Amino acid sequence: MKDLYIIDGYNFIFNHKKPAKLSSSRLTELRNTLIENLLQFKSYISCDIITVFDARNSENLARNSEISDGIQVIYSKKGETADSIVENIVHSNENYDRIFVVTSDNLQQKVVFRHNIYRKSIREFSLEMKESRKKISDRLKYQKAFSEKSFYSIEKRIGRDLKEGLENIRQGK
C-alpha cells in the first residue's frame, strides 16, 4: 500500500512563499509551481497526493476536482473551507498505510490527528521536497556522468584515414 499526502494548497503558498501582493495570474502561477514541485516529489517517493485549494470566497457553486499530471487537485465551493475537505478526505481514505496532512493551521493539525494520520508543517514538508529535488538532481548527474563514460563514440572507434575520407565525402571532395 501507499502513503497519501494531503496538502492545503493556499496554506502552503501563503506560509512558504509569503507573497506580498497577488494578482490572479500570479496566484495561478504559484499554484502551478506548487503542483509541479509536488509532481517531482510524488515521482521520487511514489505516493498519492491530493492538493486542496480553498475557494470559499469565490463564486464557485460546486466543488471542482481535476487530475493534474497524476495529482488530484480539489477547489472548494463557495462557503466551503479547505479544512473541511481535508477532514473528509482523511476520514474516508482508510486504504493507505499512512496519511500525511501538510498544513501550518494549528487547529487543522489537531483535528486530523489519529492512528496512521500524521501532521507535517509547511516548513517540514518544504525541506522534504527540497531534499527530494536534490537527490533527483544528484541521481541525474551521476547517470549522466556514468553514461558519458560508457558511451564510446564512433570518432573514437575509427582510424584517422577513415575519418579523413568521410570528411572529404561530407565536403564533396
N, C-alpha and C. Protein backbone atom coordinates (compact mmCIF):
# COMPACT_ATOMS: atom_id res chain seq x y z
N MET A 1 0.83 -1.18 0.00
CA MET A 1 0.00 0.00 0.00
C MET A 1 0.88 1.25 0.00
N LYS A 2 0.26 2.35 -0.36
CA LYS A 2 0.97 3.61 -0.49
C LYS A 2 0.66 4.57 0.65
N ASP A 3 1.42 5.66 0.64
CA ASP A 3 1.14 6.78 1.52
C ASP A 3 0.33 7.80 0.74
N LEU A 4 -0.43 8.59 1.47
CA LEU A 4 -1.21 9.67 0.88
C LEU A 4 -0.79 10.97 1.54
N TYR A 5 -0.50 11.96 0.72
CA TYR A 5 -0.19 13.30 1.20
C TYR A 5 -1.35 14.21 0.80
N ILE A 6 -1.90 14.92 1.78
CA ILE A 6 -2.96 15.89 1.53
C ILE A 6 -2.39 17.26 1.86
N ILE A 7 -2.35 18.13 0.87
CA ILE A 7 -1.74 19.45 1.04
C ILE A 7 -2.81 20.52 1.00
N ASP A 8 -2.82 21.37 2.00
CA ASP A 8 -3.67 22.56 1.99
C ASP A 8 -2.94 23.58 1.12
N GLY A 9 -3.37 23.68 -0.14
CA GLY A 9 -2.63 24.42 -1.16
C GLY A 9 -2.35 25.88 -0.84
N TYR A 10 -3.39 26.65 -0.52
CA TYR A 10 -3.16 28.07 -0.25
C TYR A 10 -2.42 28.27 1.05
N ASN A 11 -2.66 27.41 2.03
CA ASN A 11 -1.90 27.48 3.27
C ASN A 11 -0.42 27.30 2.98
N PHE A 12 -0.11 26.36 2.08
CA PHE A 12 1.28 26.12 1.69
C PHE A 12 1.86 27.36 1.00
N ILE A 13 1.14 27.87 0.01
CA ILE A 13 1.63 29.02 -0.76
C ILE A 13 1.86 30.23 0.13
N PHE A 14 0.88 30.55 0.97
CA PHE A 14 0.99 31.76 1.79
C PHE A 14 1.95 31.63 2.95
N ASN A 15 2.21 30.41 3.42
CA ASN A 15 3.18 30.22 4.50
C ASN A 15 4.59 29.97 4.00
N HIS A 16 4.71 29.37 2.82
CA HIS A 16 6.04 29.04 2.29
C HIS A 16 6.62 30.20 1.49
N LYS A 17 5.85 30.72 0.56
CA LYS A 17 6.34 31.79 -0.31
C LYS A 17 6.18 33.17 0.29
N LYS A 18 5.19 33.34 1.15
CA LYS A 18 4.87 34.62 1.78
C LYS A 18 4.79 35.76 0.75
N PRO A 19 3.94 35.59 -0.27
CA PRO A 19 3.82 36.63 -1.29
C PRO A 19 3.16 37.89 -0.74
N ALA A 20 3.66 39.04 -1.19
CA ALA A 20 3.13 40.32 -0.72
C ALA A 20 1.81 40.64 -1.43
N LYS A 21 1.90 41.01 -2.68
CA LYS A 21 0.71 41.31 -3.48
C LYS A 21 0.49 40.19 -4.46
N LEU A 22 -0.77 39.82 -4.61
CA LEU A 22 -1.07 38.73 -5.51
C LEU A 22 -2.15 39.11 -6.50
N SER A 23 -1.76 39.08 -7.75
CA SER A 23 -2.77 39.20 -8.80
C SER A 23 -3.30 37.80 -9.07
N SER A 24 -4.38 37.73 -9.80
CA SER A 24 -4.96 36.43 -10.13
C SER A 24 -3.97 35.58 -10.92
N SER A 25 -3.25 36.21 -11.86
CA SER A 25 -2.30 35.46 -12.68
C SER A 25 -1.10 34.98 -11.84
N ARG A 26 -0.67 35.77 -10.87
CA ARG A 26 0.44 35.37 -10.00
C ARG A 26 0.02 34.20 -9.12
N LEU A 27 -1.21 34.24 -8.62
CA LEU A 27 -1.72 33.15 -7.80
C LEU A 27 -1.79 31.85 -8.61
N THR A 28 -2.24 31.96 -9.86
CA THR A 28 -2.28 30.81 -10.76
C THR A 28 -0.88 30.26 -10.97
N GLU A 29 0.07 31.14 -11.16
CA GLU A 29 1.48 30.74 -11.35
C GLU A 29 2.00 30.00 -10.12
N LEU A 30 1.70 30.51 -8.93
CA LEU A 30 2.15 29.86 -7.69
C LEU A 30 1.48 28.50 -7.50
N ARG A 31 0.20 28.39 -7.86
CA ARG A 31 -0.49 27.09 -7.79
C ARG A 31 0.17 26.10 -8.73
N ASN A 32 0.45 26.52 -9.96
CA ASN A 32 1.07 25.62 -10.94
C ASN A 32 2.47 25.20 -10.50
N THR A 33 3.23 26.13 -9.92
CA THR A 33 4.57 25.80 -9.42
C THR A 33 4.48 24.79 -8.30
N LEU A 34 3.52 24.98 -7.39
CA LEU A 34 3.33 24.02 -6.30
C LEU A 34 3.02 22.63 -6.87
N ILE A 35 2.12 22.57 -7.84
CA ILE A 35 1.75 21.27 -8.42
C ILE A 35 2.94 20.62 -9.12
N GLU A 36 3.77 21.41 -9.82
CA GLU A 36 4.98 20.86 -10.45
C GLU A 36 5.93 20.29 -9.41
N ASN A 37 6.12 21.04 -8.31
CA ASN A 37 7.01 20.56 -7.25
C ASN A 37 6.47 19.30 -6.59
N LEU A 38 5.15 19.25 -6.41
CA LEU A 38 4.53 18.06 -5.83
C LEU A 38 4.67 16.86 -6.75
N LEU A 39 4.61 17.10 -8.05
CA LEU A 39 4.77 16.02 -9.02
C LEU A 39 6.17 15.41 -8.94
N GLN A 40 7.18 16.26 -8.82
CA GLN A 40 8.56 15.76 -8.65
C GLN A 40 8.67 14.94 -7.37
N PHE A 41 8.10 15.47 -6.30
CA PHE A 41 8.13 14.78 -5.01
C PHE A 41 7.43 13.43 -5.12
N LYS A 42 6.27 13.42 -5.76
CA LYS A 42 5.49 12.19 -5.94
C LYS A 42 6.29 11.15 -6.71
N SER A 43 6.97 11.57 -7.76
CA SER A 43 7.73 10.62 -8.57
C SER A 43 8.92 10.06 -7.79
N TYR A 44 9.45 10.84 -6.87
CA TYR A 44 10.60 10.39 -6.10
C TYR A 44 10.21 9.39 -5.02
N ILE A 45 9.12 9.66 -4.30
CA ILE A 45 8.80 8.76 -3.17
C ILE A 45 7.64 7.82 -3.46
N SER A 46 7.02 7.93 -4.63
CA SER A 46 5.94 7.04 -5.03
C SER A 46 4.79 7.02 -4.01
N CYS A 47 4.04 8.10 -4.03
CA CYS A 47 2.90 8.25 -3.13
C CYS A 47 1.73 8.85 -3.91
N ASP A 48 0.58 8.94 -3.29
CA ASP A 48 -0.55 9.66 -3.87
C ASP A 48 -0.61 11.03 -3.21
N ILE A 49 -1.03 12.03 -3.99
CA ILE A 49 -1.10 13.39 -3.48
C ILE A 49 -2.44 14.00 -3.85
N ILE A 50 -3.05 14.64 -2.87
CA ILE A 50 -4.26 15.43 -3.09
C ILE A 50 -3.96 16.83 -2.59
N THR A 51 -4.19 17.82 -3.42
CA THR A 51 -3.99 19.21 -3.04
C THR A 51 -5.35 19.89 -3.02
N VAL A 52 -5.63 20.58 -1.92
CA VAL A 52 -6.93 21.24 -1.77
C VAL A 52 -6.72 22.74 -1.74
N PHE A 53 -7.47 23.45 -2.59
CA PHE A 53 -7.42 24.90 -2.62
C PHE A 53 -8.76 25.45 -2.15
N ASP A 54 -8.68 26.37 -1.23
CA ASP A 54 -9.85 26.98 -0.61
C ASP A 54 -10.43 28.05 -1.54
N ALA A 55 -11.66 27.85 -1.97
CA ALA A 55 -12.31 28.83 -2.85
C ALA A 55 -13.58 29.36 -2.21
N ARG A 56 -13.61 29.41 -0.88
CA ARG A 56 -14.84 29.78 -0.17
C ARG A 56 -15.30 31.21 -0.47
N ASN A 57 -14.38 32.10 -0.86
CA ASN A 57 -14.76 33.48 -1.17
C ASN A 57 -15.06 33.68 -2.65
N SER A 58 -15.00 32.61 -3.41
CA SER A 58 -15.26 32.72 -4.85
C SER A 58 -16.75 32.53 -5.11
N GLU A 59 -17.10 32.53 -6.35
CA GLU A 59 -18.49 32.34 -6.75
C GLU A 59 -18.76 30.90 -7.22
N ASN A 60 -17.81 30.00 -7.01
CA ASN A 60 -18.00 28.60 -7.41
C ASN A 60 -19.13 27.98 -6.61
N LEU A 61 -20.15 27.53 -7.30
CA LEU A 61 -21.30 26.92 -6.62
C LEU A 61 -21.10 25.44 -6.36
N ALA A 62 -20.14 24.85 -7.04
CA ALA A 62 -19.88 23.42 -6.88
C ALA A 62 -18.39 23.20 -6.66
N ARG A 63 -18.09 22.15 -5.95
CA ARG A 63 -16.69 21.76 -5.76
C ARG A 63 -16.14 21.28 -7.10
N ASN A 64 -14.91 21.65 -7.39
CA ASN A 64 -14.28 21.27 -8.65
C ASN A 64 -13.08 20.39 -8.33
N SER A 65 -12.98 19.27 -9.03
CA SER A 65 -11.87 18.35 -8.82
C SER A 65 -11.30 17.95 -10.17
N GLU A 66 -9.99 17.93 -10.27
CA GLU A 66 -9.33 17.53 -11.52
C GLU A 66 -8.05 16.78 -11.19
N ILE A 67 -7.60 16.00 -12.15
CA ILE A 67 -6.32 15.31 -12.02
C ILE A 67 -5.32 16.07 -12.88
N SER A 68 -4.27 16.57 -12.25
CA SER A 68 -3.24 17.32 -12.96
C SER A 68 -1.94 16.55 -12.86
N ASP A 69 -1.56 15.88 -13.96
CA ASP A 69 -0.34 15.07 -14.01
C ASP A 69 -0.25 14.05 -12.87
N GLY A 70 -1.38 13.43 -12.56
CA GLY A 70 -1.38 12.40 -11.53
C GLY A 70 -1.61 12.90 -10.12
N ILE A 71 -1.80 14.19 -9.96
CA ILE A 71 -2.08 14.76 -8.64
C ILE A 71 -3.52 15.24 -8.65
N GLN A 72 -4.29 14.80 -7.66
CA GLN A 72 -5.67 15.26 -7.58
C GLN A 72 -5.69 16.66 -6.99
N VAL A 73 -6.34 17.58 -7.70
CA VAL A 73 -6.46 18.97 -7.25
C VAL A 73 -7.94 19.25 -7.03
N ILE A 74 -8.25 19.72 -5.83
CA ILE A 74 -9.65 20.00 -5.47
C ILE A 74 -9.77 21.48 -5.13
N TYR A 75 -10.79 22.12 -5.72
CA TYR A 75 -11.12 23.51 -5.40
C TYR A 75 -12.47 23.48 -4.67
N SER A 76 -12.50 24.05 -3.48
CA SER A 76 -13.74 24.03 -2.71
C SER A 76 -14.80 24.92 -3.37
N LYS A 77 -16.04 24.71 -2.96
CA LYS A 77 -17.12 25.55 -3.48
C LYS A 77 -17.28 26.77 -2.57
N LYS A 78 -18.12 27.70 -3.00
CA LYS A 78 -18.38 28.91 -2.23
C LYS A 78 -18.87 28.53 -0.84
N GLY A 79 -18.25 29.13 0.18
CA GLY A 79 -18.65 28.89 1.55
C GLY A 79 -18.02 27.65 2.17
N GLU A 80 -17.30 26.87 1.42
CA GLU A 80 -16.68 25.64 1.91
C GLU A 80 -15.20 25.90 2.15
N THR A 81 -14.67 25.40 3.25
CA THR A 81 -13.25 25.60 3.55
C THR A 81 -12.43 24.40 3.10
N ALA A 82 -11.17 24.65 2.86
CA ALA A 82 -10.25 23.56 2.53
C ALA A 82 -10.14 22.62 3.73
N ASP A 83 -10.19 23.17 4.93
CA ASP A 83 -10.09 22.35 6.15
C ASP A 83 -11.17 21.28 6.19
N SER A 84 -12.40 21.64 5.84
CA SER A 84 -13.48 20.66 5.89
C SER A 84 -13.28 19.56 4.84
N ILE A 85 -12.75 19.94 3.69
CA ILE A 85 -12.47 18.93 2.65
C ILE A 85 -11.36 18.00 3.12
N VAL A 86 -10.31 18.57 3.71
CA VAL A 86 -9.19 17.76 4.21
C VAL A 86 -9.70 16.76 5.25
N GLU A 87 -10.52 17.22 6.17
CA GLU A 87 -11.07 16.32 7.20
C GLU A 87 -11.86 15.18 6.57
N ASN A 88 -12.70 15.49 5.57
CA ASN A 88 -13.47 14.43 4.89
C ASN A 88 -12.56 13.44 4.18
N ILE A 89 -11.53 13.94 3.53
CA ILE A 89 -10.60 13.05 2.82
C ILE A 89 -9.88 12.14 3.81
N VAL A 90 -9.41 12.72 4.90
CA VAL A 90 -8.68 11.96 5.91
C VAL A 90 -9.53 10.80 6.45
N HIS A 91 -10.77 11.08 6.73
CA HIS A 91 -11.62 10.08 7.37
C HIS A 91 -12.27 9.12 6.38
N SER A 92 -12.13 9.38 5.09
CA SER A 92 -12.74 8.48 4.10
C SER A 92 -11.70 7.67 3.32
N ASN A 93 -10.43 7.83 3.65
CA ASN A 93 -9.37 7.09 2.96
C ASN A 93 -8.64 6.19 3.95
N GLU A 94 -9.14 5.00 4.13
CA GLU A 94 -8.52 4.08 5.08
C GLU A 94 -7.66 3.03 4.41
N ASN A 95 -7.54 3.08 3.09
CA ASN A 95 -6.76 2.07 2.39
C ASN A 95 -5.33 2.55 2.11
N TYR A 96 -4.80 3.42 2.96
CA TYR A 96 -3.42 3.87 2.87
C TYR A 96 -2.68 3.45 4.13
N ASP A 97 -1.40 3.16 3.98
CA ASP A 97 -0.59 2.83 5.15
C ASP A 97 -0.50 4.03 6.09
N ARG A 98 -0.18 5.18 5.48
CA ARG A 98 -0.06 6.41 6.25
C ARG A 98 -0.67 7.56 5.45
N ILE A 99 -1.25 8.49 6.18
CA ILE A 99 -1.79 9.70 5.57
C ILE A 99 -1.09 10.89 6.22
N PHE A 100 -0.51 11.75 5.40
CA PHE A 100 0.17 12.95 5.89
C PHE A 100 -0.66 14.17 5.51
N VAL A 101 -0.97 14.98 6.49
CA VAL A 101 -1.68 16.24 6.25
C VAL A 101 -0.66 17.35 6.38
N VAL A 102 -0.48 18.09 5.28
CA VAL A 102 0.52 19.16 5.25
C VAL A 102 -0.20 20.50 5.37
N THR A 103 -0.04 21.12 6.54
CA THR A 103 -0.64 22.42 6.80
C THR A 103 0.08 23.05 7.99
N SER A 104 0.01 24.35 8.07
CA SER A 104 0.52 25.04 9.25
C SER A 104 -0.62 25.59 10.08
N ASP A 105 -1.81 25.18 9.76
CA ASP A 105 -3.01 25.56 10.51
C ASP A 105 -3.05 24.71 11.78
N ASN A 106 -2.81 25.33 12.94
CA ASN A 106 -2.72 24.58 14.20
C ASN A 106 -3.98 23.81 14.52
N LEU A 107 -5.13 24.41 14.32
CA LEU A 107 -6.38 23.73 14.61
C LEU A 107 -6.54 22.50 13.72
N GLN A 108 -6.23 22.66 12.45
CA GLN A 108 -6.33 21.54 11.50
C GLN A 108 -5.40 20.40 11.92
N GLN A 109 -4.21 20.75 12.37
CA GLN A 109 -3.25 19.72 12.80
C GLN A 109 -3.80 18.91 13.96
N LYS A 110 -4.55 19.53 14.84
CA LYS A 110 -5.12 18.82 16.00
C LYS A 110 -6.34 17.99 15.61
N VAL A 111 -7.15 18.51 14.70
CA VAL A 111 -8.39 17.83 14.32
C VAL A 111 -8.13 16.52 13.60
N VAL A 112 -7.13 16.47 12.74
CA VAL A 112 -6.93 15.29 11.89
C VAL A 112 -6.07 14.22 12.54
N PHE A 113 -5.51 14.49 13.68
CA PHE A 113 -4.58 13.55 14.29
C PHE A 113 -5.31 12.30 14.80
N ARG A 114 -4.83 11.13 14.38
CA ARG A 114 -5.29 9.84 14.86
C ARG A 114 -4.34 8.77 14.32
N HIS A 115 -4.67 7.49 14.57
CA HIS A 115 -3.82 6.39 14.12
C HIS A 115 -3.56 6.47 12.62
N ASN A 116 -2.35 6.33 12.20
CA ASN A 116 -1.81 6.34 10.83
C ASN A 116 -2.00 7.67 10.09
N ILE A 117 -2.41 8.72 10.81
CA ILE A 117 -2.51 10.05 10.21
C ILE A 117 -1.47 10.94 10.89
N TYR A 118 -0.62 11.54 10.06
CA TYR A 118 0.50 12.31 10.57
C TYR A 118 0.39 13.75 10.08
N ARG A 119 0.85 14.64 10.89
CA ARG A 119 0.84 16.06 10.53
C ARG A 119 2.24 16.48 10.12
N LYS A 120 2.29 17.31 9.13
CA LYS A 120 3.57 17.91 8.73
C LYS A 120 3.34 19.40 8.56
N SER A 121 4.26 20.17 9.10
CA SER A 121 4.17 21.61 8.92
C SER A 121 4.64 21.95 7.50
N ILE A 122 4.29 23.12 7.05
CA ILE A 122 4.72 23.59 5.73
C ILE A 122 6.24 23.60 5.66
N ARG A 123 6.87 24.09 6.71
CA ARG A 123 8.34 24.17 6.74
C ARG A 123 8.96 22.78 6.62
N GLU A 124 8.46 21.83 7.40
CA GLU A 124 8.99 20.47 7.38
C GLU A 124 8.82 19.84 6.00
N PHE A 125 7.64 19.99 5.41
CA PHE A 125 7.38 19.41 4.09
C PHE A 125 8.21 20.10 3.01
N SER A 126 8.40 21.41 3.13
CA SER A 126 9.24 22.14 2.17
C SER A 126 10.67 21.62 2.18
N LEU A 127 11.18 21.34 3.36
CA LEU A 127 12.54 20.78 3.48
C LEU A 127 12.60 19.39 2.86
N GLU A 128 11.55 18.60 3.05
CA GLU A 128 11.48 17.26 2.45
C GLU A 128 11.47 17.35 0.93
N MET A 129 10.68 18.28 0.39
CA MET A 129 10.63 18.44 -1.07
C MET A 129 11.97 18.92 -1.61
N LYS A 130 12.59 19.84 -0.90
CA LYS A 130 13.91 20.35 -1.32
C LYS A 130 14.94 19.22 -1.35
N GLU A 131 14.91 18.38 -0.32
CA GLU A 131 15.84 17.25 -0.25
C GLU A 131 15.58 16.27 -1.38
N SER A 132 14.30 16.01 -1.71
CA SER A 132 14.00 15.08 -2.80
C SER A 132 14.47 15.65 -4.14
N ARG A 133 14.31 16.97 -4.34
CA ARG A 133 14.81 17.59 -5.59
C ARG A 133 16.33 17.47 -5.69
N LYS A 134 17.02 17.63 -4.55
CA LYS A 134 18.48 17.50 -4.54
C LYS A 134 18.89 16.07 -4.89
N LYS A 135 18.20 15.09 -4.32
CA LYS A 135 18.53 13.69 -4.60
C LYS A 135 18.25 13.33 -6.06
N ILE A 136 17.17 13.86 -6.60
CA ILE A 136 16.87 13.63 -8.03
C ILE A 136 17.97 14.24 -8.89
N SER A 137 18.36 15.46 -8.56
CA SER A 137 19.43 16.14 -9.31
C SER A 137 20.75 15.37 -9.23
N ASP A 138 21.08 14.92 -8.02
CA ASP A 138 22.32 14.14 -7.85
C ASP A 138 22.28 12.85 -8.66
N ARG A 139 21.13 12.19 -8.65
CA ARG A 139 20.98 10.94 -9.41
C ARG A 139 21.14 11.20 -10.91
N LEU A 140 20.55 12.28 -11.40
CA LEU A 140 20.68 12.61 -12.82
C LEU A 140 22.12 12.94 -13.20
N LYS A 141 22.81 13.67 -12.32
CA LYS A 141 24.23 13.98 -12.58
C LYS A 141 25.06 12.70 -12.64
N TYR A 142 24.80 11.79 -11.71
CA TYR A 142 25.53 10.52 -11.69
C TYR A 142 25.26 9.72 -12.95
N GLN A 143 23.99 9.63 -13.33
CA GLN A 143 23.64 8.86 -14.53
C GLN A 143 24.25 9.49 -15.78
N LYS A 144 24.29 10.81 -15.84
CA LYS A 144 24.89 11.48 -16.99
C LYS A 144 26.38 11.19 -17.05
N ALA A 145 27.05 11.31 -15.91
CA ALA A 145 28.50 11.04 -15.87
C ALA A 145 28.79 9.59 -16.23
N PHE A 146 27.97 8.68 -15.72
CA PHE A 146 28.16 7.26 -16.00
C PHE A 146 27.93 6.96 -17.48
N SER A 147 26.87 7.55 -18.07
CA SER A 147 26.58 7.27 -19.47
C SER A 147 27.64 7.87 -20.39
N GLU A 148 28.20 9.02 -20.00
CA GLU A 148 29.26 9.61 -20.81
C GLU A 148 30.52 8.75 -20.78
N LYS A 149 30.80 8.12 -19.65
CA LYS A 149 31.97 7.25 -19.54
C LYS A 149 31.78 5.97 -20.35
N SER A 150 30.58 5.45 -20.36
CA SER A 150 30.35 4.19 -21.04
C SER A 150 30.04 4.36 -22.52
N PHE A 151 29.77 5.58 -22.95
CA PHE A 151 29.45 5.81 -24.35
C PHE A 151 30.76 5.89 -25.14
N TYR A 152 30.88 5.09 -26.14
CA TYR A 152 32.10 5.03 -26.95
C TYR A 152 31.74 5.52 -28.34
N SER A 153 32.00 6.81 -28.59
CA SER A 153 31.56 7.44 -29.84
C SER A 153 32.27 6.83 -31.05
N ILE A 154 31.65 7.02 -32.19
CA ILE A 154 32.21 6.48 -33.44
C ILE A 154 33.56 7.11 -33.77
N GLU A 155 33.73 8.37 -33.39
CA GLU A 155 35.02 9.04 -33.64
C GLU A 155 36.17 8.32 -32.95
N LYS A 156 35.90 7.73 -31.81
CA LYS A 156 36.93 7.00 -31.07
C LYS A 156 37.16 5.61 -31.63
N ARG A 157 36.21 5.13 -32.45
CA ARG A 157 36.29 3.75 -32.94
C ARG A 157 36.88 3.64 -34.36
N ILE A 158 37.00 4.74 -35.06
CA ILE A 158 37.54 4.65 -36.43
C ILE A 158 38.91 5.29 -36.50
N GLY A 159 39.70 4.85 -37.48
CA GLY A 159 41.05 5.35 -37.65
C GLY A 159 41.07 6.73 -38.31
N ARG A 160 42.25 7.33 -38.30
CA ARG A 160 42.42 8.67 -38.86
C ARG A 160 42.15 8.70 -40.35
N ASP A 161 42.62 7.70 -41.09
CA ASP A 161 42.42 7.67 -42.54
C ASP A 161 40.94 7.61 -42.89
N LEU A 162 40.20 6.75 -42.21
CA LEU A 162 38.77 6.63 -42.48
C LEU A 162 38.06 7.93 -42.11
N LYS A 163 38.46 8.55 -41.02
CA LYS A 163 37.86 9.80 -40.58
C LYS A 163 38.08 10.88 -41.64
N GLU A 164 39.29 10.97 -42.18
CA GLU A 164 39.59 11.97 -43.23
C GLU A 164 38.80 11.67 -44.50
N GLY A 165 38.68 10.40 -44.85
CA GLY A 165 37.92 10.02 -46.03
C GLY A 165 36.45 10.40 -45.89
N LEU A 166 35.87 10.16 -44.75
CA LEU A 166 34.48 10.53 -44.51
C LEU A 166 34.29 12.05 -44.54
N GLU A 167 35.25 12.75 -44.01
CA GLU A 167 35.17 14.22 -44.03
C GLU A 167 35.24 14.74 -45.46
N ASN A 168 36.08 14.13 -46.30
CA ASN A 168 36.15 14.53 -47.72
C ASN A 168 34.81 14.25 -48.43
N ILE A 169 34.22 13.13 -48.14
CA ILE A 169 32.92 12.81 -48.75
C ILE A 169 31.87 13.84 -48.30
N ARG A 170 31.89 14.18 -47.02
CA ARG A 170 30.93 15.14 -46.49
C ARG A 170 31.09 16.49 -47.16
N GLN A 171 32.33 16.88 -47.44
CA GLN A 171 32.57 18.18 -48.07
C GLN A 171 32.45 18.13 -49.58
N GLY A 172 32.23 16.93 -50.13
CA GLY A 172 32.05 16.80 -51.56
C GLY A 172 33.35 16.85 -52.35
N LYS A 173 34.44 16.45 -51.79
CA LYS A 173 35.75 16.46 -52.46
C LYS A 173 36.02 15.16 -53.13
